[in-house]
């Protein structure tokens, strides 16, 4: 299993439409990547930093894939452009991504 994490940094003046993200973008991701190995999605809203200060990220999503090959098949597959193109519909933030695996 691998996890593709997408972090949306808290940025002054940035737009992030959480309602659109939850109601439209995440279901699009699930439909687009399910056939290429998406196993699950978890979405979180940043509440605070560990020291109680402002959260460094407004939101984050963790997409679990069956394998690294499944992740690549999704990110380069026929619906990848549709998923990435939808980002502009809910945010002006440049997301930060990371691929991880269990230790």
Protein backbone atom coordinates (compact mmCIF):
# COMPACT_ATOMS: atom_id res chain seq x y z
CA UNK A 1 0.00 0.00 0.00
CA UNK A 2 1.07 3.59 -0.68
CA UNK A 3 -0.56 6.84 0.37
CA UNK A 4 -0.67 9.94 -1.79
CA UNK A 5 -1.11 12.92 0.55
CA UNK A 6 -2.24 16.33 -0.68
CA UNK A 7 -1.72 19.27 1.69
CA UNK A 8 -3.22 22.73 1.20
CA UNK A 9 -1.01 25.24 3.08
CA UNK A 10 -2.74 28.03 4.97
CA UNK A 11 -1.89 31.03 2.82
CA UNK A 12 -2.96 34.62 3.43
CA UNK A 13 -5.55 35.73 0.89
CA UNK A 14 -5.94 32.26 -0.61
CA UNK A 15 -9.31 30.82 -1.59
CA UNK A 16 -10.34 27.33 -0.50
CA UNK A 17 -13.98 26.29 -0.98
CA UNK A 18 -14.35 23.41 1.49
CA UNK A 19 -17.98 22.76 0.51
CA UNK A 20 -17.02 22.27 -3.16
CA UNK A 21 -13.99 20.21 -2.18
CA UNK A 22 -16.09 17.80 -0.10
CA UNK A 23 -19.19 17.65 -2.29
CA UNK A 24 -17.63 17.67 -5.76
CA UNK A 25 -13.85 17.24 -5.90
CA UNK A 26 -13.43 14.30 -3.55
CA UNK A 27 -16.26 12.29 -5.21
CA UNK A 28 -14.61 13.06 -8.58
CA UNK A 29 -11.28 11.72 -7.28
CA UNK A 30 -12.97 8.57 -6.00
CA UNK A 31 -14.78 7.91 -9.29
CA UNK A 32 -11.76 8.75 -11.44
CA UNK A 33 -9.19 6.66 -9.57
CA UNK A 34 -11.22 3.73 -8.21
CA UNK A 35 -10.72 1.64 -11.36
CA UNK A 36 -6.94 2.17 -11.28
CA UNK A 37 -6.42 1.11 -7.67
CA UNK A 38 -7.67 3.78 -5.27
CA UNK A 39 -8.50 1.91 -2.04
CA UNK A 40 -9.70 4.78 0.17
CA UNK A 41 -9.73 8.51 0.88
CA UNK A 42 -9.53 10.41 4.15
CA UNK A 43 -10.00 14.18 4.27
CA UNK A 44 -9.05 16.40 7.21
CA UNK A 45 -9.49 20.08 8.07
CA UNK A 46 -6.59 21.75 9.91
CA UNK A 47 -7.52 22.91 13.40
CA UNK A 48 -4.24 24.05 14.94
CA UNK A 49 -0.53 23.46 15.09
CA UNK A 50 0.84 21.13 17.77
CA UNK A 51 1.71 24.10 19.96
CA UNK A 52 -1.82 25.52 19.71
CA UNK A 53 -0.92 28.11 17.07
CA UNK A 54 -2.54 28.44 13.68
CA UNK A 55 -2.79 25.28 11.58
CA UNK A 56 -0.11 25.18 8.88
CA UNK A 57 -2.57 23.48 6.48
CA UNK A 58 -6.20 24.37 5.76
CA UNK A 59 -6.96 20.85 4.59
CA UNK A 60 -5.33 17.60 3.66
CA UNK A 61 -6.38 14.46 1.85
CA UNK A 62 -4.78 11.04 2.12
CA UNK A 63 -5.48 8.73 -0.82
CA UNK A 64 -4.62 5.08 -0.24
CA UNK A 65 -3.65 2.97 -3.24
CA UNK A 66 -3.17 -0.77 -3.55
CA UNK A 67 0.41 -0.28 -4.78
CA UNK A 68 2.87 2.23 -6.20
CA UNK A 69 1.91 0.99 -9.67
CA UNK A 70 -1.77 1.74 -8.92
CA UNK A 71 -0.86 5.26 -7.83
CA UNK A 72 1.08 5.85 -11.04
CA UNK A 73 -1.74 4.39 -13.12
CA UNK A 74 -4.12 6.88 -11.50
CA UNK A 75 -1.87 9.94 -11.73
CA UNK A 76 -1.09 9.26 -15.40
CA UNK A 77 -4.41 7.67 -16.37
CA UNK A 78 -7.14 8.90 -18.67
CA UNK A 79 -8.98 10.87 -15.96
CA UNK A 80 -5.95 12.47 -14.27
CA UNK A 81 -6.23 15.70 -16.27
CA UNK A 82 -9.88 16.03 -15.26
CA UNK A 83 -9.01 15.63 -11.56
CA UNK A 84 -6.08 18.06 -11.67
CA UNK A 85 -8.05 20.53 -13.78
CA UNK A 86 -10.78 20.64 -11.14
CA UNK A 87 -8.39 22.06 -8.51
CA UNK A 88 -8.88 25.60 -9.85
CA UNK A 89 -12.61 25.28 -9.10
CA UNK A 90 -12.06 25.20 -5.33
CA UNK A 91 -8.71 26.80 -4.49
CA UNK A 92 -5.97 29.20 -5.46
CA UNK A 93 -3.53 27.34 -3.19
CA UNK A 94 -0.70 25.37 -4.78
CA UNK A 95 -1.02 21.97 -3.07
CA UNK A 96 1.96 20.14 -1.60
CA UNK A 97 2.03 16.39 -2.26
CA UNK A 98 3.86 13.45 -0.75
CA UNK A 99 3.92 9.71 -1.41
CA UNK A 100 4.33 7.55 1.71
CA UNK A 101 4.33 3.89 2.68
CA UNK A 102 4.00 2.10 6.02
CA UNK A 103 7.24 1.60 7.93
